[in-house]
Amino acid sequence: MSQLPKEYPFIHIYAQHKARQPAIIKANTEGLCLLLNAIVTALAYPQNNSTAEIFCGDAECYQVLVQHISTHEELAPLPYQKKHEPE
């Protein structure tokens, strides 16, 4: 596992695998601040996506995309839903 200084923004977001399962966010203070800033930016500018560049547990950089939506349809598809194929 790669090592980065502790002041780097670390965050890992564990997605749901099935309904009613909690989503989990594990992060240091810097990672939570970047996520908070991305959320505030999405609220301030709802027509744009907001991103935060952060590091996961193995020190790989990735982006968290925060989208402000206004309808339930914009949530679809849910990551844990199986695609129903016609029989």
PDB file of N, CA and C in Angstrom:
ATOM      1  N   MET A   1       0.846  -1.172   0.000  1.00  0.00           N
ATOM      2  CA  MET A   1       0.000   0.000   0.000  1.00  0.00           C
ATOM      3  C   MET A   1       0.893   1.237   0.000  1.00  0.00           C
ATOM      4  N   SER A   2       0.596   2.182  -0.845  1.00  0.00           N
ATOM      5  CA  SER A   2       1.370   3.418  -0.918  1.00  0.00           C
ATOM      6  C   SER A   2       1.096   4.279   0.305  1.00  0.00           C
ATOM      7  N   GLN A   3       2.068   5.075   0.650  1.00  0.00           N
ATOM      8  CA  GLN A   3       1.929   5.961   1.799  1.00  0.00           C
ATOM      9  C   GLN A   3       1.963   7.412   1.339  1.00  0.00           C
ATOM     10  N   LEU A   4       1.051   8.207   1.823  1.00  0.00           N
ATOM     11  CA  LEU A   4       1.022   9.642   1.572  1.00  0.00           C
ATOM     12  C   LEU A   4       1.027  10.349   2.923  1.00  0.00           C
ATOM     13  N   PRO A   5       1.500  11.579   2.975  1.00  0.00           N
ATOM     14  CA  PRO A   5       1.455  12.314   4.234  1.00  0.00           C
ATOM     15  C   PRO A   5       0.028  12.415   4.759  1.00  0.00           C
ATOM     16  N   LYS A   6      -0.128  12.465   6.071  1.00  0.00           N
ATOM     17  CA  LYS A   6      -1.461  12.451   6.670  1.00  0.00           C
ATOM     18  C   LYS A   6      -2.300  13.667   6.327  1.00  0.00           C
ATOM     19  N   GLU A   7      -1.679  14.766   5.859  1.00  0.00           N
ATOM     20  CA  GLU A   7      -2.460  15.952   5.500  1.00  0.00           C
ATOM     21  C   GLU A   7      -3.106  15.849   4.117  1.00  0.00           C
ATOM     22  N   TYR A   8      -2.833  14.786   3.381  1.00  0.00           N
ATOM     23  CA  TYR A   8      -3.511  14.580   2.100  1.00  0.00           C
ATOM     24  C   TYR A   8      -4.962  14.202   2.373  1.00  0.00           C
ATOM     25  N   PRO A   9      -5.882  14.628   1.483  1.00  0.00           N
ATOM     26  CA  PRO A   9      -7.296  14.301   1.699  1.00  0.00           C
ATOM     27  C   PRO A   9      -7.597  12.839   1.360  1.00  0.00           C
ATOM     28  N   PHE A  10      -7.819  12.034   2.381  1.00  0.00           N
ATOM     29  CA  PHE A  10      -8.172  10.628   2.206  1.00  0.00           C
ATOM     30  C   PHE A  10      -9.668  10.470   2.400  1.00  0.00           C
ATOM     31  N   ILE A  11     -10.291   9.754   1.501  1.00  0.00           N
ATOM     32  CA  ILE A  11     -11.716   9.441   1.657  1.00  0.00           C
ATOM     33  C   ILE A  11     -12.030   8.190   0.846  1.00  0.00           C
ATOM     34  N   HIS A  12     -12.876   7.355   1.393  1.00  0.00           N
ATOM     35  CA  HIS A  12     -13.370   6.208   0.636  1.00  0.00           C
ATOM     36  C   HIS A  12     -14.868   6.136   0.858  1.00  0.00           C
ATOM     37  N   ILE A  13     -15.601   6.004  -0.223  1.00  0.00           N
ATOM     38  CA  ILE A  13     -17.055   5.939  -0.175  1.00  0.00           C
ATOM     39  C   ILE A  13     -17.464   4.522  -0.561  1.00  0.00           C
ATOM     40  N   TYR A  14     -18.080   3.840   0.377  1.00  0.00           N
ATOM     41  CA  TYR A  14     -18.531   2.472   0.152  1.00  0.00           C
ATOM     42  C   TYR A  14     -19.997   2.516  -0.266  1.00  0.00           C
ATOM     43  N   ALA A  15     -20.276   2.090  -1.472  1.00  0.00           N
ATOM     44  CA  ALA A  15     -21.636   2.135  -2.007  1.00  0.00           C
ATOM     45  C   ALA A  15     -22.499   1.026  -1.421  1.00  0.00           C
ATOM     46  N   GLN A  16     -23.789   1.212  -1.514  1.00  0.00           N
ATOM     47  CA  GLN A  16     -24.736   0.180  -1.121  1.00  0.00           C
ATOM     48  C   GLN A  16     -24.669  -0.971  -2.112  1.00  0.00           C
ATOM     49  N   HIS A  17     -24.823  -2.182  -1.618  1.00  0.00           N
ATOM     50  CA  HIS A  17     -24.888  -3.350  -2.493  1.00  0.00           C
ATOM     51  C   HIS A  17     -26.301  -3.903  -2.581  1.00  0.00           C
ATOM     52  N   LYS A  18     -27.140  -3.474  -1.643  1.00  0.00           N
ATOM     53  CA  LYS A  18     -28.546  -3.865  -1.683  1.00  0.00           C
ATOM     54  C   LYS A  18     -29.370  -2.813  -0.958  1.00  0.00           C
ATOM     55  N   ALA A  19     -30.671  -2.861  -1.153  1.00  0.00           N
ATOM     56  CA  ALA A  19     -31.565  -1.869  -0.558  1.00  0.00           C
ATOM     57  C   ALA A  19     -31.463  -1.870   0.960  1.00  0.00           C
ATOM     58  N   ARG A  20     -31.615  -0.703   1.538  1.00  0.00           N
ATOM     59  CA  ARG A  20     -31.605  -0.461   2.971  1.00  0.00           C
ATOM     60  C   ARG A  20     -30.266  -0.716   3.655  1.00  0.00           C
ATOM     61  N   GLN A  21     -29.246  -0.970   2.873  1.00  0.00           N
ATOM     62  CA  GLN A  21     -27.905  -1.118   3.421  1.00  0.00           C
ATOM     63  C   GLN A  21     -27.289   0.282   3.510  1.00  0.00           C
ATOM     64  N   PRO A  22     -26.564   0.586   4.575  1.00  0.00           N
ATOM     65  CA  PRO A  22     -26.003   1.938   4.657  1.00  0.00           C
ATOM     66  C   PRO A  22     -24.869   2.157   3.670  1.00  0.00           C
ATOM     67  N   ALA A  23     -24.769   3.372   3.175  1.00  0.00           N
ATOM     68  CA  ALA A  23     -23.577   3.793   2.442  1.00  0.00           C
ATOM     69  C   ALA A  23     -22.624   4.319   3.509  1.00  0.00           C
ATOM     70  N   ILE A  24     -21.350   4.056   3.364  1.00  0.00           N
ATOM     71  CA  ILE A  24     -20.380   4.426   4.391  1.00  0.00           C
ATOM     72  C   ILE A  24     -19.328   5.346   3.776  1.00  0.00           C
ATOM     73  N   ILE A  25     -19.017   6.420   4.470  1.00  0.00           N
ATOM     74  CA  ILE A  25     -17.939   7.321   4.072  1.00  0.00           C
ATOM     75  C   ILE A  25     -16.904   7.303   5.184  1.00  0.00           C
ATOM     76  N   LYS A  26     -15.680   6.920   4.831  1.00  0.00           N
ATOM     77  CA  LYS A  26     -14.565   6.947   5.775  1.00  0.00           C
ATOM     78  C   LYS A  26     -13.578   7.984   5.257  1.00  0.00           C
ATOM     79  N   ALA A  27     -13.164   8.919   6.117  1.00  0.00           N
ATOM     80  CA  ALA A  27     -12.304  10.004   5.638  1.00  0.00           C
ATOM     81  C   ALA A  27     -11.560  10.663   6.790  1.00  0.00           C
ATOM     82  N   ASN A  28     -10.437  11.301   6.430  1.00  0.00           N
ATOM     83  CA  ASN A  28      -9.773  12.156   7.399  1.00  0.00           C
ATOM     84  C   ASN A  28     -10.394  13.551   7.299  1.00  0.00           C
ATOM     85  N   THR A  29      -9.961  14.456   8.149  1.00  0.00           N
ATOM     86  CA  THR A  29     -10.535  15.805   8.179  1.00  0.00           C
ATOM     87  C   THR A  29     -10.407  16.500   6.836  1.00  0.00           C
ATOM     88  N   GLU A  30      -9.249  16.394   6.206  1.00  0.00           N
ATOM     89  CA  GLU A  30      -9.032  17.049   4.914  1.00  0.00           C
ATOM     90  C   GLU A  30      -9.957  16.495   3.844  1.00  0.00           C
ATOM     91  N   GLY A  31     -10.161  15.190   3.834  1.00  0.00           N
ATOM     92  CA  GLY A  31     -11.067  14.578   2.865  1.00  0.00           C
ATOM     93  C   GLY A  31     -12.497  15.024   3.074  1.00  0.00           C
ATOM     94  N   LEU A  32     -12.940  15.085   4.328  1.00  0.00           N
ATOM     95  CA  LEU A  32     -14.297  15.549   4.617  1.00  0.00           C
ATOM     96  C   LEU A  32     -14.478  17.011   4.228  1.00  0.00           C
ATOM     97  N   CYS A  33     -13.460  17.823   4.427  1.00  0.00           N
ATOM     98  CA  CYS A  33     -13.545  19.242   4.023  1.00  0.00           C
ATOM     99  C   CYS A  33     -13.690  19.375   2.511  1.00  0.00           C
ATOM    100  N   LEU A  34     -12.928  18.576   1.743  1.00  0.00           N
ATOM    101  CA  LEU A  34     -13.068  18.638   0.283  1.00  0.00           C
ATOM    102  C   LEU A  34     -14.450  18.180  -0.158  1.00  0.00           C
ATOM    103  N   LEU A  35     -14.967  17.131   0.466  1.00  0.00           N
ATOM    104  CA  LEU A  35     -16.310  16.658   0.138  1.00  0.00           C
ATOM    105  C   LEU A  35     -17.342  17.719   0.492  1.00  0.00           C
ATOM    106  N   LEU A  36     -17.193  18.346   1.650  1.00  0.00           N
ATOM    107  CA  LEU A  36     -18.107  19.412   2.051  1.00  0.00           C
ATOM    108  C   LEU A  36     -18.067  20.572   1.066  1.00  0.00           C
ATOM    109  N   ASN A  37     -16.885  20.959   0.633  1.00  0.00           N
ATOM    110  CA  ASN A  37     -16.762  22.039  -0.348  1.00  0.00           C
ATOM    111  C   ASN A  37     -17.439  21.675  -1.662  1.00  0.00           C
ATOM    112  N   ALA A  38     -17.313  20.421  -2.085  1.00  0.00           N
ATOM    113  CA  ALA A  38     -17.974  19.985  -3.317  1.00  0.00           C
ATOM    114  C   ALA A  38     -19.495  20.033  -3.161  1.00  0.00           C
ATOM    115  N   ILE A  39     -19.996  19.681  -1.989  1.00  0.00           N
ATOM    116  CA  ILE A  39     -21.445  19.730  -1.734  1.00  0.00           C
ATOM    117  C   ILE A  39     -21.931  21.178  -1.740  1.00  0.00           C
ATOM    118  N   VAL A  40     -21.199  22.060  -1.074  1.00  0.00           N
ATOM    119  CA  VAL A  40     -21.584  23.473  -1.039  1.00  0.00           C
ATOM    120  C   VAL A  40     -21.563  24.071  -2.448  1.00  0.00           C
ATOM    121  N   THR A  41     -20.566  23.720  -3.231  1.00  0.00           N
ATOM    122  CA  THR A  41     -20.488  24.217  -4.606  1.00  0.00           C
ATOM    123  C   THR A  41     -21.670  23.714  -5.433  1.00  0.00           C
ATOM    124  N   ALA A  42     -22.050  22.455  -5.249  1.00  0.00           N
ATOM    125  CA  ALA A  42     -23.204  21.908  -5.972  1.00  0.00           C
ATOM    126  C   ALA A  42     -24.486  22.629  -5.577  1.00  0.00           C
ATOM    127  N   LEU A  43     -24.600  23.011  -4.313  1.00  0.00           N
ATOM    128  CA  LEU A  43     -25.778  23.767  -3.879  1.00  0.00           C
ATOM    129  C   LEU A  43     -25.770  25.185  -4.435  1.00  0.00           C
ATOM    130  N   ALA A  44     -24.605  25.800  -4.492  1.00  0.00           N
ATOM    131  CA  ALA A  44     -24.502  27.173  -4.979  1.00  0.00           C
ATOM    132  C   ALA A  44     -24.689  27.270  -6.483  1.00  0.00           C
ATOM    133  N   TYR A  45     -24.249  26.239  -7.199  1.00  0.00           N
ATOM    134  CA  TYR A  45     -24.328  26.228  -8.667  1.00  0.00           C
ATOM    135  C   TYR A  45     -24.995  24.932  -9.123  1.00  0.00           C
ATOM    136  N   PRO A  46     -26.311  24.793  -8.905  1.00  0.00           N
ATOM    137  CA  PRO A  46     -26.990  23.518  -9.192  1.00  0.00           C
ATOM    138  C   PRO A  46     -26.963  23.087 -10.652  1.00  0.00           C
ATOM    139  N   GLN A  47     -26.728  24.007 -11.568  1.00  0.00           N
ATOM    140  CA  GLN A  47     -26.690  23.637 -12.982  1.00  0.00           C
ATOM    141  C   GLN A  47     -25.369  22.976 -13.356  1.00  0.00           C
ATOM    142  N   ASN A  48     -24.375  23.018 -12.497  1.00  0.00           N
ATOM    143  CA  ASN A  48     -23.061  22.424 -12.772  1.00  0.00           C
ATOM    144  C   ASN A  48     -22.805  21.246 -11.834  1.00  0.00           C
ATOM    145  N   ASN A  49     -21.986  20.321 -12.283  1.00  0.00           N
ATOM    146  CA  ASN A  49     -21.512  19.264 -11.394  1.00  0.00           C
ATOM    147  C   ASN A  49     -20.339  19.803 -10.599  1.00  0.00           C
ATOM    148  N   SER A  50     -20.173  19.298  -9.417  1.00  0.00           N
ATOM    149  CA  SER A  50     -19.051  19.696  -8.583  1.00  0.00           C
ATOM    150  C   SER A  50     -18.179  18.470  -8.347  1.00  0.00           C
ATOM    151  N   THR A  51     -16.870  18.651  -8.291  1.00  0.00           N
ATOM    152  CA  THR A  51     -15.978  17.512  -8.078  1.00  0.00           C
ATOM    153  C   THR A  51     -14.993  17.807  -6.958  1.00  0.00           C
ATOM    154  N   ALA A  52     -14.526  16.744  -6.348  1.00  0.00           N
ATOM    155  CA  ALA A  52     -13.451  16.817  -5.363  1.00  0.00           C
ATOM    156  C   ALA A  52     -12.424  15.770  -5.754  1.00  0.00           C
ATOM    157  N   GLU A  53     -11.164  16.162  -5.843  1.00  0.00           N
ATOM    158  CA  GLU A  53     -10.088  15.207  -6.117  1.00  0.00           C
ATOM    159  C   GLU A  53      -9.493  14.772  -4.788  1.00  0.00           C
ATOM    160  N   ILE A  54      -9.579  13.472  -4.534  1.00  0.00           N
ATOM    161  CA  ILE A  54      -9.164  12.933  -3.249  1.00  0.00           C
ATOM    162  C   ILE A  54      -8.397  11.639  -3.446  1.00  0.00           C
ATOM    163  N   PHE A  55      -7.907  11.081  -2.366  1.00  0.00           N
ATOM    164  CA  PHE A  55      -7.142   9.842  -2.400  1.00  0.00           C
ATOM    165  C   PHE A  55      -7.887   8.771  -1.621  1.00  0.00           C
ATOM    166  N   CYS A  56      -7.872   7.539  -2.149  1.00  0.00           N
ATOM    167  CA  CYS A  56      -8.463   6.416  -1.436  1.00  0.00           C
ATOM    168  C   CYS A  56      -7.378   5.744  -0.596  1.00  0.00           C
ATOM    169  N   GLY A  57      -7.728   4.640   0.048  1.00  0.00           N
ATOM    170  CA  GLY A  57      -6.826   3.970   0.970  1.00  0.00           C
ATOM    171  C   GLY A  57      -5.512   3.502   0.376  1.00  0.00           C
ATOM    172  N   ASP A  58      -5.472   3.219  -0.915  1.00  0.00           N
ATOM    173  CA  ASP A  58      -4.216   2.780  -1.530  1.00  0.00           C
ATOM    174  C   ASP A  58      -3.476   3.929  -2.206  1.00  0.00           C
ATOM    175  N   ALA A  59      -3.814   5.156  -1.816  1.00  0.00           N
ATOM    176  CA  ALA A  59      -3.153   6.383  -2.273  1.00  0.00           C
ATOM    177  C   ALA A  59      -3.364   6.685  -3.751  1.00  0.00           C
ATOM    178  N   GLU A  60      -4.399   6.112  -4.363  1.00  0.00           N
ATOM    179  CA  GLU A  60      -4.747   6.429  -5.749  1.00  0.00           C
ATOM    180  C   GLU A  60      -5.691   7.631  -5.751  1.00  0.00           C
ATOM    181  N   CYS A  61      -5.404   8.571  -6.618  1.00  0.00           N
ATOM    182  CA  CYS A  61      -6.234   9.765  -6.733  1.00  0.00           C
ATOM    183  C   CYS A  61      -7.478   9.437  -7.575  1.00  0.00           C
ATOM    184  N   TYR A  62      -8.626   9.935  -7.135  1.00  0.00           N
ATOM    185  CA  TYR A  62      -9.850   9.796  -7.919  1.00  0.00           C
ATOM    186  C   TYR A  62     -10.741  10.992  -7.651  1.00  0.00           C
ATOM    187  N   GLN A  63     -11.806  11.122  -8.415  1.00  0.00           N
ATOM    188  CA  GLN A  63     -12.734  12.238  -8.262  1.00  0.00           C
ATOM    189  C   GLN A  63     -14.052  11.763  -7.688  1.00  0.00           C
ATOM    190  N   VAL A  64     -14.604  12.586  -6.809  1.00  0.00           N
ATOM    191  CA  VAL A  64     -15.969  12.397  -6.337  1.00  0.00           C
ATOM    192  C   VAL A  64     -16.803  13.453  -7.043  1.00  0.00           C
ATOM    193  N   LEU A  65     -17.836  13.018  -7.715  1.00  0.00           N
ATOM    194  CA  LEU A  65     -18.721  13.900  -8.465  1.00  0.00           C
ATOM    195  C   LEU A  65     -19.983  14.137  -7.641  1.00  0.00           C
ATOM    196  N   VAL A  66     -20.307  15.399  -7.398  1.00  0.00           N
ATOM    197  CA  VAL A  66     -21.516  15.767  -6.659  1.00  0.00           C
ATOM    198  C   VAL A  66     -22.454  16.445  -7.643  1.00  0.00           C
ATOM    199  N   GLN A  67     -23.640  15.878  -7.805  1.00  0.00           N
ATOM    200  CA  GLN A  67     -24.641  16.422  -8.726  1.00  0.00           C
ATOM    201  C   GLN A  67     -25.871  16.843  -7.941  1.00  0.00           C
ATOM    202  N   HIS A  68     -26.338  18.040  -8.197  1.00  0.00           N
ATOM    203  CA  HIS A  68     -27.570  18.532  -7.588  1.00  0.00           C
ATOM    204  C   HIS A  68     -28.710  18.169  -8.531  1.00  0.00           C
ATOM    205  N   ILE A  69     -29.672  17.408  -8.032  1.00  0.00           N
ATOM    206  CA  ILE A  69     -30.802  16.987  -8.861  1.00  0.00           C
ATOM    207  C   ILE A  69     -32.097  17.437  -8.214  1.00  0.00           C
ATOM    208  N   SER A  70     -33.205  17.357  -8.960  1.00  0.00           N
ATOM    209  CA  SER A  70     -34.484  17.819  -8.411  1.00  0.00           C
ATOM    210  C   SER A  70     -35.624  16.817  -8.567  1.00  0.00           C
ATOM    211  N   THR A  71     -35.363  15.673  -9.201  1.00  0.00           N
ATOM    212  CA  THR A  71     -36.426  14.672  -9.361  1.00  0.00           C
ATOM    213  C   THR A  71     -35.917  13.287  -8.978  1.00  0.00           C
ATOM    214  N   HIS A  72     -36.845  12.422  -8.602  1.00  0.00           N
ATOM    215  CA  HIS A  72     -36.481  11.043  -8.281  1.00  0.00           C
ATOM    216  C   HIS A  72     -35.952  10.304  -9.504  1.00  0.00           C
ATOM    217  N   GLU A  73     -36.459  10.655 -10.680  1.00  0.00           N
ATOM    218  CA  GLU A  73     -36.023   9.987 -11.902  1.00  0.00           C
ATOM    219  C   GLU A  73     -34.533  10.196 -12.157  1.00  0.00           C
ATOM    220  N   GLU A  74     -33.995  11.320 -11.714  1.00  0.00           N
ATOM    221  CA  GLU A  74     -32.578  11.599 -11.919  1.00  0.00           C
ATOM    222  C   GLU A  74     -31.674  10.716 -11.056  1.00  0.00           C
ATOM    223  N   LEU A  75     -32.238  10.052 -10.073  1.00  0.00           N
ATOM    224  CA  LEU A  75     -31.464   9.136  -9.233  1.00  0.00           C
ATOM    225  C   LEU A  75     -31.204   7.801  -9.926  1.00  0.00           C
ATOM    226  N   ALA A  76     -32.038   7.428 -10.863  1.00  0.00           N
ATOM    227  CA  ALA A  76     -31.963   6.123 -11.510  1.00  0.00           C
ATOM    228  C   ALA A  76     -30.777   6.041 -12.450  1.00  0.00           C
ATOM    229  N   PRO A  77     -30.228   4.893 -12.657  1.00  0.00           N
ATOM    230  CA  PRO A  77     -30.537   3.644 -11.968  1.00  0.00           C
ATOM    231  C   PRO A  77     -29.787   3.563 -10.641  1.00  0.00           C
ATOM    232  N   LEU A  78     -30.398   2.904  -9.680  1.00  0.00           N
ATOM    233  CA  LEU A  78     -29.736   2.684  -8.403  1.00  0.00           C
ATOM    234  C   LEU A  78     -28.675   1.605  -8.581  1.00  0.00           C
ATOM    235  N   PRO A  79     -27.511   1.762  -7.957  1.00  0.00           N
ATOM    236  CA  PRO A  79     -26.407   0.832  -8.223  1.00  0.00           C
ATOM    237  C   PRO A  79     -26.678  -0.608  -7.788  1.00  0.00           C
ATOM    238  N   TYR A  80     -27.581  -0.820  -6.844  1.00  0.00           N
ATOM    239  CA  TYR A  80     -27.822  -2.175  -6.359  1.00  0.00           C
ATOM    240  C   TYR A  80     -29.020  -2.840  -7.010  1.00  0.00           C
ATOM    241  N   GLN A  81     -29.729  -2.150  -7.900  1.00  0.00           N
ATOM    242  CA  GLN A  81     -30.879  -2.752  -8.556  1.00  0.00           C
ATOM    243  C   GLN A  81     -30.427  -3.642  -9.702  1.00  0.00           C
ATOM    244  N   LYS A  82     -31.035  -4.810  -9.782  1.00  0.00           N
ATOM    245  CA  LYS A  82     -30.755  -5.709 -10.898  1.00  0.00           C
ATOM    246  C   LYS A  82     -31.560  -5.244 -12.092  1.00  0.00           C
ATOM    247  N   LYS A  83     -30.978  -5.380 -13.234  1.00  0.00           N
ATOM    248  CA  LYS A  83     -31.707  -5.055 -14.459  1.00  0.00           C
ATOM    249  C   LYS A  83     -32.676  -6.199 -14.739  1.00  0.00           C
ATOM    250  N   HIS A  84     -33.939  -5.833 -14.872  1.00  0.00           N
ATOM    251  CA  HIS A  84     -34.965  -6.844 -15.139  1.00  0.00           C
ATOM    252  C   HIS A  84     -35.077  -7.053 -16.645  1.00  0.00           C
ATOM    253  N   GLU A  85     -34.827  -8.237 -17.048  1.00  0.00           N
ATOM    254  CA  GLU A  85     -34.918  -8.582 -18.464  1.00  0.00           C
ATOM    255  C   GLU A  85     -36.256  -9.232 -18.720  1.00  0.00           C
ATOM    256  N   PRO A  86     -36.899  -8.939 -19.837  1.00  0.00           N
ATOM    257  CA  PRO A  86     -38.181  -9.613 -20.137  1.00  0.00           C
ATOM    258  C   PRO A  86     -37.947 -11.114 -20.317  1.00  0.00           C
ATOM    259  N   GLU A  87     -38.901 -11.867 -19.787  1.00  0.00           N
ATOM    260  CA  GLU A  87     -38.766 -13.339 -19.895  1.00  0.00           C
ATOM    261  C   GLU A  87     -39.537 -13.874 -21.052  1.00  0.00           C
TER     262      GLU A  87
END
